[in-house]
Structures are given as structure tokens and as C-alpha cells.
Amino acid sequence: MTYIILLTNRIFEVFTLLIWINSLLISLLLFGYVLVQYFKLEKKSKIEKIN
């Protein structure tokens, strides 16, 4: 009985870890995307200022 409890506990820990890593990756991707968009806007505004 305790073995089943330990097993489900381990599975729950792994799932929690996977969800945590997944959310971290998603937030990193979003942050990168926002940075890229920001730099694109910066380049456009600099080119417009020169013109």
C-alpha cells in the first residue's frame, strides 16, 4: 500500500516539475518574442529618423 502512495507521489512530483519547466519555457519564449518585436520597432524608428 505504501508503495502505491510513494509511486503516485513520485508521478505527481514529475508532473509538477514538467509543468514548471513548461511554463518557464513558455515565458522565456514570450520574453524573447517581445524582445525581437521591440528591436524590430527600434530599427524601424531609427531608419525613419535618418530618413
C-alpha atoms as a PDB file:
ATOM      1  CA  MET A   1       0.000   0.000   0.000  1.00  0.00           C
ATOM      2  CA  THR A   2       2.763   2.450   0.902  1.00  0.00           C
ATOM      3  CA  TYR A   3       4.491   1.570  -2.375  1.00  0.00           C
ATOM      4  CA  ILE A   4       1.467   2.771  -4.395  1.00  0.00           C
ATOM      5  CA  ILE A   5       1.351   6.000  -2.354  1.00  0.00           C
ATOM      6  CA  LEU A   6       5.080   6.574  -2.963  1.00  0.00           C
ATOM      7  CA  LEU A   7       4.636   5.835  -6.678  1.00  0.00           C
ATOM      8  CA  THR A   8       1.733   8.258  -7.104  1.00  0.00           C
ATOM      9  CA  ASN A   9       3.674  10.839  -5.098  1.00  0.00           C
ATOM     10  CA  ARG A  10       6.677  10.400  -7.430  1.00  0.00           C
ATOM     11  CA  ILE A  11       4.447  10.704 -10.525  1.00  0.00           C
ATOM     12  CA  PHE A  12       2.878  13.853  -9.074  1.00  0.00           C
ATOM     13  CA  GLU A  13       6.345  15.332  -8.434  1.00  0.00           C
ATOM     14  CA  VAL A  14       7.434  14.590 -12.011  1.00  0.00           C
ATOM     15  CA  PHE A  15       4.257  16.143 -13.415  1.00  0.00           C
ATOM     16  CA  THR A  16       4.716  19.235 -11.251  1.00  0.00           C
ATOM     17  CA  LEU A  17       8.318  19.526 -12.442  1.00  0.00           C
ATOM     18  CA  LEU A  18       7.269  19.124 -16.095  1.00  0.00           C
ATOM     19  CA  ILE A  19       4.547  21.754 -15.750  1.00  0.00           C
ATOM     20  CA  TRP A  20       7.016  24.114 -14.042  1.00  0.00           C
ATOM     21  CA  ILE A  21       9.652  23.630 -16.775  1.00  0.00           C
ATOM     22  CA  ASN A  22       6.959  24.029 -19.450  1.00  0.00           C
ATOM     23  CA  SER A  23       5.683  27.304 -18.017  1.00  0.00           C
ATOM     24  CA  LEU A  24       9.261  28.561 -17.671  1.00  0.00           C
ATOM     25  CA  LEU A  25       9.966  27.738 -21.336  1.00  0.00           C
ATOM     26  CA  ILE A  26       6.745  29.416 -22.472  1.00  0.00           C
ATOM     27  CA  SER A  27       7.552  32.581 -20.513  1.00  0.00           C
ATOM     28  CA  LEU A  28      11.103  32.598 -21.943  1.00  0.00           C
ATOM     29  CA  LEU A  29       9.727  32.229 -25.476  1.00  0.00           C
ATOM     30  CA  LEU A  30       7.259  35.058 -24.904  1.00  0.00           C
ATOM     31  CA  PHE A  31      10.012  37.248 -23.464  1.00  0.00           C
ATOM     32  CA  GLY A  32      12.238  36.517 -26.467  1.00  0.00           C
ATOM     33  CA  TYR A  33       9.403  37.270 -28.871  1.00  0.00           C
ATOM     34  CA  VAL A  34       8.686  40.591 -27.152  1.00  0.00           C
ATOM     35  CA  LEU A  35      12.401  41.496 -27.281  1.00  0.00           C
ATOM     36  CA  VAL A  36      12.576  40.698 -31.005  1.00  0.00           C
ATOM     37  CA  GLN A  37       9.487  42.813 -31.711  1.00  0.00           C
ATOM     38  CA  TYR A  38      10.943  45.654 -29.636  1.00  0.00           C
ATOM     39  CA  PHE A  39      14.239  45.593 -31.544  1.00  0.00           C
ATOM     40  CA  LYS A  40      12.393  45.499 -34.872  1.00  0.00           C
ATOM     41  CA  LEU A  41      10.468  48.605 -33.820  1.00  0.00           C
ATOM     42  CA  GLU A  42      13.685  50.284 -32.652  1.00  0.00           C
ATOM     43  CA  LYS A  43      15.380  49.621 -36.004  1.00  0.00           C
ATOM     44  CA  LYS A  44      12.342  50.936 -37.899  1.00  0.00           C
ATOM     45  CA  SER A  45      12.201  54.123 -35.833  1.00  0.00           C
ATOM     46  CA  LYS A  46      15.963  54.696 -36.258  1.00  0.00           C
ATOM     47  CA  ILE A  47      15.681  54.266 -40.050  1.00  0.00           C
ATOM     48  CA  GLU A  48      12.710  56.654 -40.110  1.00  0.00           C
ATOM     49  CA  LYS A  49      14.680  59.222 -38.074  1.00  0.00           C
ATOM     50  CA  ILE A  50      17.588  59.032 -40.531  1.00  0.00           C
ATOM     51  CA  ASN A  51      15.209  59.500 -43.476  1.00  0.00           C
END
